[in-house]
């Protein structure tokens, strides 16, 4: 069971991280082209696909991690496991909440056709994505080094 959960954890993490980075770079490339035909629709579609893939993948990471961590005695967890459990879980929950809320606001601005406001909102959204990427990498680094 642990091996299968580890597989799900890594597969979910790879999907979550990869789609997050890909979506950020797609939005950056679309940001300057919002006045061109089809660019707004592409940005809206990118956000929709981003949410449809990253949220389930992050949920898989959270749930598989919770199942795996239950196999350990919590009174004597090494720092790296406690950090992964607490910080990793917090990053996932904040990721889903913050980016869902920001994505909804961005979609409204894109739908209204205000390219200046939408461009600023894309910048804020992408910056938030990169902050979460840094947080994800921090958790991965601590776990990898087993600090």
N, C-alpha and C. Protein backbone atom coordinates (compact mmCIF):
# COMPACT_ATOMS: atom_id res chain seq x y z
N UNK A 1 0.83 -1.19 0.00
CA UNK A 1 0.00 0.00 0.00
C UNK A 1 0.88 1.26 0.00
N UNK A 2 1.94 1.27 0.80
CA UNK A 2 2.81 2.45 0.89
C UNK A 2 3.43 2.76 -0.48
N UNK A 3 3.85 1.72 -1.19
CA UNK A 3 4.47 1.92 -2.50
C UNK A 3 3.51 2.55 -3.49
N UNK A 4 2.26 2.13 -3.48
CA UNK A 4 1.27 2.70 -4.38
C UNK A 4 0.97 4.15 -4.00
N UNK A 5 0.89 4.43 -2.71
CA UNK A 5 0.66 5.81 -2.25
C UNK A 5 1.84 6.71 -2.63
N UNK A 6 3.05 6.18 -2.54
CA UNK A 6 4.23 6.94 -2.92
C UNK A 6 4.19 7.26 -4.42
N UNK A 7 3.77 6.27 -5.21
CA UNK A 7 3.61 6.49 -6.65
C UNK A 7 2.59 7.60 -6.92
N UNK A 8 1.43 7.51 -6.27
CA UNK A 8 0.40 8.54 -6.44
C UNK A 8 0.91 9.91 -6.01
N UNK A 9 1.67 9.93 -4.92
CA UNK A 9 2.22 11.17 -4.40
C UNK A 9 3.16 11.82 -5.42
N UNK A 10 4.08 11.03 -5.96
CA UNK A 10 5.03 11.56 -6.94
C UNK A 10 4.35 11.93 -8.26
N UNK A 11 3.41 11.10 -8.71
CA UNK A 11 2.69 11.41 -9.96
C UNK A 11 1.87 12.68 -9.80
N UNK A 12 1.19 12.82 -8.66
CA UNK A 12 0.42 14.03 -8.40
C UNK A 12 1.31 15.25 -8.31
N UNK A 13 2.45 15.09 -7.64
CA UNK A 13 3.38 16.21 -7.49
C UNK A 13 3.94 16.64 -8.84
N UNK A 14 4.33 15.68 -9.67
CA UNK A 14 4.87 16.01 -10.99
C UNK A 14 3.82 16.72 -11.85
N UNK A 15 2.59 16.23 -11.80
CA UNK A 15 1.51 16.84 -12.57
C UNK A 15 1.22 18.24 -12.06
N UNK A 16 1.07 18.36 -10.74
CA UNK A 16 0.76 19.65 -10.12
C UNK A 16 1.83 20.69 -10.45
N UNK A 17 3.08 20.33 -10.23
CA UNK A 17 4.19 21.24 -10.45
C UNK A 17 4.34 21.58 -11.94
N UNK A 18 4.28 20.58 -12.79
CA UNK A 18 4.47 20.80 -14.23
C UNK A 18 3.40 21.67 -14.84
N UNK A 19 2.15 21.39 -14.54
CA UNK A 19 1.06 22.18 -15.10
C UNK A 19 1.07 23.59 -14.52
N UNK A 20 1.47 23.73 -13.27
CA UNK A 20 1.56 25.06 -12.67
C UNK A 20 2.58 25.92 -13.42
N UNK A 21 3.76 25.37 -13.64
CA UNK A 21 4.79 26.12 -14.39
C UNK A 21 4.36 26.40 -15.82
N UNK A 22 3.82 25.40 -16.48
CA UNK A 22 3.39 25.57 -17.87
C UNK A 22 2.34 26.66 -17.98
N UNK A 23 1.39 26.67 -17.08
CA UNK A 23 0.32 27.67 -17.12
C UNK A 23 0.86 29.07 -16.88
N UNK A 24 1.81 29.21 -15.97
CA UNK A 24 2.40 30.52 -15.71
C UNK A 24 3.08 31.05 -16.96
N UNK A 25 3.85 30.21 -17.63
CA UNK A 25 4.54 30.66 -18.83
C UNK A 25 3.57 30.95 -19.98
N UNK A 26 2.50 30.18 -20.08
CA UNK A 26 1.49 30.46 -21.10
C UNK A 26 0.83 31.81 -20.85
N UNK A 27 0.48 32.07 -19.59
CA UNK A 27 -0.15 33.35 -19.27
C UNK A 27 0.80 34.52 -19.50
N UNK A 28 2.08 34.33 -19.20
CA UNK A 28 3.06 35.39 -19.48
C UNK A 28 3.10 35.69 -20.98
N UNK A 29 3.08 34.64 -21.80
CA UNK A 29 3.14 34.85 -23.25
C UNK A 29 1.86 35.49 -23.78
N UNK A 30 0.72 35.23 -23.14
CA UNK A 30 -0.55 35.81 -23.59
C UNK A 30 -0.77 37.22 -23.08
N UNK A 31 -0.10 37.58 -22.01
CA UNK A 31 -0.32 38.87 -21.35
C UNK A 31 -0.17 40.05 -22.29
N UNK A 32 0.84 40.07 -23.09
CA UNK A 32 1.09 41.19 -23.99
C UNK A 32 0.26 41.15 -25.26
N UNK A 33 -0.50 40.08 -25.45
CA UNK A 33 -1.26 39.92 -26.70
C UNK A 33 -2.77 39.95 -26.47
N UNK A 34 -3.21 40.50 -25.36
CA UNK A 34 -4.64 40.46 -25.03
C UNK A 34 -5.51 41.22 -26.02
N UNK A 35 -4.93 42.13 -26.78
CA UNK A 35 -5.72 42.87 -27.76
C UNK A 35 -5.89 42.09 -29.06
N UNK A 36 -5.09 41.05 -29.25
CA UNK A 36 -5.20 40.24 -30.46
C UNK A 36 -6.39 39.29 -30.37
N UNK A 37 -6.95 38.96 -31.50
CA UNK A 37 -8.11 38.07 -31.55
C UNK A 37 -7.76 36.70 -30.98
N UNK A 38 -8.58 36.23 -30.11
CA UNK A 38 -8.42 34.89 -29.56
C UNK A 38 -7.53 34.80 -28.34
N UNK A 39 -6.79 35.83 -28.03
CA UNK A 39 -5.87 35.78 -26.90
C UNK A 39 -6.60 35.75 -25.56
N UNK A 40 -7.67 36.53 -25.46
CA UNK A 40 -8.45 36.53 -24.22
C UNK A 40 -9.06 35.16 -23.99
N UNK A 41 -9.60 34.57 -25.06
CA UNK A 41 -10.18 33.22 -24.94
C UNK A 41 -9.11 32.21 -24.56
N UNK A 42 -7.92 32.36 -25.09
CA UNK A 42 -6.82 31.45 -24.74
C UNK A 42 -6.42 31.60 -23.28
N UNK A 43 -6.39 32.85 -22.78
CA UNK A 43 -6.06 33.08 -21.38
C UNK A 43 -7.14 32.48 -20.47
N UNK A 44 -8.40 32.68 -20.83
CA UNK A 44 -9.50 32.09 -20.05
C UNK A 44 -9.41 30.57 -20.04
N UNK A 45 -9.12 29.99 -21.19
CA UNK A 45 -9.00 28.54 -21.29
C UNK A 45 -7.81 28.03 -20.49
N UNK A 46 -6.72 28.76 -20.49
CA UNK A 46 -5.53 28.36 -19.72
C UNK A 46 -5.87 28.29 -18.23
N UNK A 47 -6.58 29.29 -17.74
CA UNK A 47 -6.95 29.31 -16.32
C UNK A 47 -7.90 28.16 -16.00
N UNK A 48 -8.84 27.91 -16.90
CA UNK A 48 -9.80 26.81 -16.69
C UNK A 48 -9.09 25.46 -16.64
N UNK A 49 -8.21 25.22 -17.60
CA UNK A 49 -7.46 23.95 -17.63
C UNK A 49 -6.52 23.85 -16.43
N UNK A 50 -5.89 24.97 -16.08
CA UNK A 50 -5.00 25.02 -14.92
C UNK A 50 -5.74 24.51 -13.67
N UNK A 51 -6.93 25.06 -13.41
CA UNK A 51 -7.70 24.65 -12.24
C UNK A 51 -8.17 23.20 -12.33
N UNK A 52 -8.58 22.78 -13.51
CA UNK A 52 -9.09 21.41 -13.68
C UNK A 52 -8.02 20.34 -13.48
N UNK A 53 -6.77 20.70 -13.71
CA UNK A 53 -5.69 19.71 -13.56
C UNK A 53 -4.96 19.87 -12.23
N UNK A 54 -4.60 21.10 -11.87
CA UNK A 54 -3.77 21.27 -10.68
C UNK A 54 -4.51 20.98 -9.37
N UNK A 55 -5.78 21.32 -9.29
CA UNK A 55 -6.49 21.10 -8.03
C UNK A 55 -6.66 19.61 -7.72
N UNK A 56 -7.09 18.79 -8.68
CA UNK A 56 -7.13 17.35 -8.39
C UNK A 56 -5.74 16.77 -8.12
N UNK A 57 -4.72 17.22 -8.85
CA UNK A 57 -3.37 16.71 -8.63
C UNK A 57 -2.88 17.08 -7.24
N UNK A 58 -3.12 18.32 -6.82
CA UNK A 58 -2.72 18.75 -5.47
C UNK A 58 -3.49 17.97 -4.40
N UNK A 59 -4.74 17.68 -4.67
CA UNK A 59 -5.55 16.89 -3.73
C UNK A 59 -4.98 15.48 -3.61
N UNK A 60 -4.55 14.91 -4.72
CA UNK A 60 -3.93 13.57 -4.70
C UNK A 60 -2.65 13.61 -3.86
N UNK A 61 -1.86 14.67 -4.03
CA UNK A 61 -0.63 14.81 -3.24
C UNK A 61 -0.98 14.90 -1.75
N UNK A 62 -1.97 15.69 -1.41
CA UNK A 62 -2.38 15.86 -0.02
C UNK A 62 -2.89 14.55 0.58
N UNK A 63 -3.79 13.88 -0.12
CA UNK A 63 -4.38 12.66 0.42
C UNK A 63 -3.38 11.50 0.48
N UNK A 64 -2.58 11.33 -0.56
CA UNK A 64 -1.59 10.24 -0.53
C UNK A 64 -0.54 10.52 0.54
N UNK A 65 -0.17 11.78 0.72
CA UNK A 65 0.78 12.13 1.78
C UNK A 65 0.19 11.86 3.15
N UNK A 66 -1.09 12.17 3.32
CA UNK A 66 -1.75 11.91 4.61
C UNK A 66 -1.79 10.42 4.91
N UNK A 67 -2.09 9.61 3.91
CA UNK A 67 -2.12 8.16 4.12
C UNK A 67 -0.73 7.64 4.48
N UNK A 68 0.29 8.12 3.77
CA UNK A 68 1.65 7.65 4.06
C UNK A 68 2.13 8.10 5.43
N UNK A 69 1.80 9.33 5.82
CA UNK A 69 2.30 9.85 7.11
C UNK A 69 1.63 9.15 8.29
N UNK A 70 0.45 8.57 8.07
CA UNK A 70 -0.24 7.87 9.15
C UNK A 70 0.49 6.60 9.57
N UNK A 71 1.41 6.13 8.74
CA UNK A 71 2.17 4.94 9.08
C UNK A 71 3.29 5.23 10.08
N UNK A 72 3.54 6.50 10.38
CA UNK A 72 4.61 6.87 11.29
C UNK A 72 4.06 7.22 12.66
N UNK A 73 4.90 7.03 13.67
CA UNK A 73 4.56 7.44 15.03
C UNK A 73 4.77 8.95 15.10
N UNK A 74 3.71 9.69 15.37
CA UNK A 74 3.79 11.15 15.32
C UNK A 74 4.55 11.77 16.48
N UNK A 75 4.78 11.03 17.52
CA UNK A 75 5.49 11.62 18.66
C UNK A 75 6.98 11.77 18.38
N UNK A 76 7.51 10.98 17.47
CA UNK A 76 8.95 11.05 17.20
C UNK A 76 9.28 11.32 15.75
N UNK A 77 8.44 12.11 15.07
CA UNK A 77 8.71 12.40 13.66
C UNK A 77 9.96 13.25 13.52
N UNK A 78 10.84 12.88 12.58
CA UNK A 78 11.98 13.76 12.29
C UNK A 78 11.47 15.08 11.69
N UNK A 79 12.29 16.11 11.76
CA UNK A 79 11.87 17.43 11.30
C UNK A 79 11.35 17.41 9.87
N UNK A 80 12.05 16.72 8.97
CA UNK A 80 11.67 16.74 7.57
C UNK A 80 10.28 16.16 7.34
N UNK A 81 9.91 15.13 8.09
CA UNK A 81 8.57 14.56 7.94
C UNK A 81 7.51 15.49 8.53
N UNK A 82 7.80 16.07 9.67
CA UNK A 82 6.85 17.01 10.28
C UNK A 82 6.69 18.24 9.38
N UNK A 83 7.79 18.71 8.79
CA UNK A 83 7.74 19.85 7.88
C UNK A 83 6.92 19.52 6.65
N UNK A 84 7.16 18.33 6.09
CA UNK A 84 6.42 17.90 4.91
C UNK A 84 4.93 17.83 5.22
N UNK A 85 4.60 17.29 6.37
CA UNK A 85 3.20 17.14 6.76
C UNK A 85 2.54 18.50 6.95
N UNK A 86 3.15 19.36 7.71
CA UNK A 86 2.52 20.64 8.06
C UNK A 86 2.67 21.69 6.96
N UNK A 87 3.91 21.94 6.57
CA UNK A 87 4.14 22.98 5.55
C UNK A 87 3.60 22.54 4.19
N UNK A 88 3.82 21.28 3.85
CA UNK A 88 3.32 20.78 2.57
C UNK A 88 1.80 20.85 2.49
N UNK A 89 1.14 20.43 3.55
CA UNK A 89 -0.32 20.50 3.57
C UNK A 89 -0.82 21.93 3.49
N UNK A 90 -0.16 22.82 4.21
CA UNK A 90 -0.56 24.23 4.20
C UNK A 90 -0.37 24.85 2.81
N UNK A 91 0.74 24.53 2.16
CA UNK A 91 1.00 25.05 0.81
C UNK A 91 -0.09 24.57 -0.15
N UNK A 92 -0.46 23.32 -0.06
CA UNK A 92 -1.49 22.78 -0.95
C UNK A 92 -2.82 23.49 -0.72
N UNK A 93 -3.23 23.61 0.52
CA UNK A 93 -4.52 24.24 0.82
C UNK A 93 -4.54 25.71 0.42
N UNK A 94 -3.45 26.42 0.71
CA UNK A 94 -3.36 27.83 0.30
C UNK A 94 -3.34 27.96 -1.22
N UNK A 95 -2.62 27.08 -1.88
CA UNK A 95 -2.54 27.08 -3.34
C UNK A 95 -3.94 27.01 -3.94
N UNK A 96 -4.71 26.03 -3.49
CA UNK A 96 -6.04 25.84 -4.05
C UNK A 96 -6.96 27.02 -3.73
N UNK A 97 -6.92 27.51 -2.51
CA UNK A 97 -7.79 28.61 -2.11
C UNK A 97 -7.42 29.93 -2.76
N UNK A 98 -6.17 30.31 -2.63
CA UNK A 98 -5.72 31.62 -3.13
C UNK A 98 -5.82 31.69 -4.66
N UNK A 99 -5.32 30.66 -5.35
CA UNK A 99 -5.33 30.73 -6.80
C UNK A 99 -6.73 30.55 -7.38
N UNK A 100 -7.61 29.85 -6.69
CA UNK A 100 -9.01 29.78 -7.15
C UNK A 100 -9.66 31.15 -7.07
N UNK A 101 -9.45 31.82 -5.96
CA UNK A 101 -10.03 33.14 -5.76
C UNK A 101 -9.45 34.14 -6.78
N UNK A 102 -8.15 34.15 -6.91
CA UNK A 102 -7.51 35.07 -7.85
C UNK A 102 -7.88 34.74 -9.30
N UNK A 103 -7.98 33.44 -9.60
CA UNK A 103 -8.36 33.03 -10.95
C UNK A 103 -9.76 33.48 -11.31
N UNK A 104 -10.67 33.43 -10.35
CA UNK A 104 -12.03 33.90 -10.58
C UNK A 104 -12.07 35.39 -10.90
N UNK A 105 -11.30 36.16 -10.15
CA UNK A 105 -11.23 37.61 -10.40
C UNK A 105 -10.59 37.90 -11.77
N UNK A 106 -9.55 37.14 -12.10
CA UNK A 106 -8.89 37.32 -13.39
C UNK A 106 -9.83 36.98 -14.53
N UNK A 107 -10.59 35.90 -14.39
CA UNK A 107 -11.53 35.52 -15.45
C UNK A 107 -12.58 36.61 -15.66
N UNK A 108 -13.04 37.24 -14.59
CA UNK A 108 -14.02 38.33 -14.73
C UNK A 108 -13.42 39.50 -15.49
N UNK A 109 -12.18 39.86 -15.17
CA UNK A 109 -11.53 40.98 -15.87
C UNK A 109 -11.31 40.66 -17.34
N UNK A 110 -10.94 39.42 -17.63
CA UNK A 110 -10.75 39.02 -19.02
C UNK A 110 -12.08 39.05 -19.77
N UNK A 111 -13.15 38.59 -19.12
CA UNK A 111 -14.47 38.56 -19.75
C UNK A 111 -15.01 39.97 -20.00
N UNK A 112 -14.64 40.92 -19.14
CA UNK A 112 -15.09 42.30 -19.31
C UNK A 112 -14.39 42.99 -20.48
N UNK A 113 -13.26 42.48 -20.89
CA UNK A 113 -12.54 43.04 -22.03
C UNK A 113 -11.62 44.20 -21.70
N UNK A 114 -11.43 44.47 -20.43
CA UNK A 114 -10.51 45.55 -20.02
C UNK A 114 -9.09 44.98 -20.02
N UNK A 115 -8.39 45.19 -21.14
CA UNK A 115 -7.07 44.56 -21.31
C UNK A 115 -6.03 45.10 -20.33
N UNK A 116 -6.13 46.37 -19.96
CA UNK A 116 -5.16 46.94 -19.02
C UNK A 116 -5.31 46.30 -17.64
N UNK A 117 -6.55 46.23 -17.15
CA UNK A 117 -6.80 45.62 -15.85
C UNK A 117 -6.49 44.12 -15.89
N UNK A 118 -6.84 43.47 -17.00
CA UNK A 118 -6.57 42.04 -17.13
C UNK A 118 -5.07 41.77 -17.15
N UNK A 119 -4.33 42.61 -17.82
CA UNK A 119 -2.87 42.45 -17.88
C UNK A 119 -2.24 42.57 -16.49
N UNK A 120 -2.69 43.56 -15.72
CA UNK A 120 -2.19 43.71 -14.35
C UNK A 120 -2.58 42.51 -13.50
N UNK A 121 -3.79 42.03 -13.69
CA UNK A 121 -4.27 40.87 -12.93
C UNK A 121 -3.49 39.61 -13.30
N UNK A 122 -3.14 39.47 -14.57
CA UNK A 122 -2.32 38.33 -14.99
C UNK A 122 -0.96 38.41 -14.31
N UNK A 123 -0.38 39.60 -14.25
CA UNK A 123 0.92 39.77 -13.59
C UNK A 123 0.85 39.34 -12.13
N UNK A 124 -0.18 39.77 -11.43
CA UNK A 124 -0.36 39.41 -10.02
C UNK A 124 -0.57 37.90 -9.88
N UNK A 125 -1.38 37.33 -10.76
CA UNK A 125 -1.68 35.90 -10.72
C UNK A 125 -0.41 35.08 -10.97
N UNK A 126 0.35 35.47 -11.97
CA UNK A 126 1.58 34.74 -12.30
C UNK A 126 2.61 34.89 -11.18
N UNK A 127 2.70 36.07 -10.59
CA UNK A 127 3.60 36.25 -9.45
C UNK A 127 3.21 35.33 -8.31
N UNK A 128 1.92 35.21 -8.05
CA UNK A 128 1.44 34.30 -7.00
C UNK A 128 1.78 32.86 -7.34
N UNK A 129 1.64 32.50 -8.61
CA UNK A 129 1.99 31.14 -9.03
C UNK A 129 3.47 30.87 -8.73
N UNK A 130 4.34 31.83 -9.07
CA UNK A 130 5.77 31.63 -8.83
C UNK A 130 6.11 31.59 -7.34
N UNK A 131 5.36 32.31 -6.52
CA UNK A 131 5.56 32.21 -5.07
C UNK A 131 5.22 30.78 -4.62
N UNK A 132 4.12 30.24 -5.12
CA UNK A 132 3.75 28.87 -4.76
C UNK A 132 4.76 27.85 -5.30
N UNK A 133 5.29 28.10 -6.49
CA UNK A 133 6.33 27.21 -7.03
C UNK A 133 7.53 27.21 -6.09
N UNK A 134 7.93 28.39 -5.60
CA UNK A 134 9.05 28.48 -4.66
C UNK A 134 8.73 27.74 -3.36
N UNK A 135 7.51 27.86 -2.88
CA UNK A 135 7.12 27.15 -1.65
C UNK A 135 7.13 25.63 -1.86
N UNK A 136 6.63 25.19 -3.00
CA UNK A 136 6.63 23.75 -3.32
C UNK A 136 8.08 23.25 -3.36
N UNK A 137 8.94 24.00 -4.04
CA UNK A 137 10.35 23.60 -4.13
C UNK A 137 11.03 23.60 -2.76
N UNK A 138 10.64 24.51 -1.88
CA UNK A 138 11.20 24.54 -0.53
C UNK A 138 10.84 23.26 0.22
N UNK A 139 9.58 22.86 0.13
CA UNK A 139 9.16 21.61 0.79
C UNK A 139 9.91 20.43 0.20
N UNK A 140 10.03 20.38 -1.12
CA UNK A 140 10.75 19.29 -1.77
C UNK A 140 12.21 19.27 -1.34
N UNK A 141 12.84 20.44 -1.24
CA UNK A 141 14.25 20.52 -0.84
C UNK A 141 14.43 20.00 0.60
N UNK A 142 13.60 20.43 1.51
CA UNK A 142 13.72 20.00 2.91
C UNK A 142 13.53 18.48 3.00
N UNK A 143 12.55 17.97 2.28
CA UNK A 143 12.30 16.52 2.31
C UNK A 143 13.44 15.75 1.64
N UNK A 144 13.94 16.27 0.53
CA UNK A 144 15.03 15.59 -0.20
C UNK A 144 16.32 15.54 0.63
N UNK A 145 16.61 16.63 1.33
CA UNK A 145 17.82 16.67 2.14
C UNK A 145 17.63 16.02 3.51
N UNK A 146 16.38 15.71 3.82
CA UNK A 146 16.01 15.09 5.11
C UNK A 146 16.62 15.88 6.27
N UNK A 147 16.34 17.18 6.25
CA UNK A 147 16.85 18.06 7.31
C UNK A 147 16.20 17.77 8.65
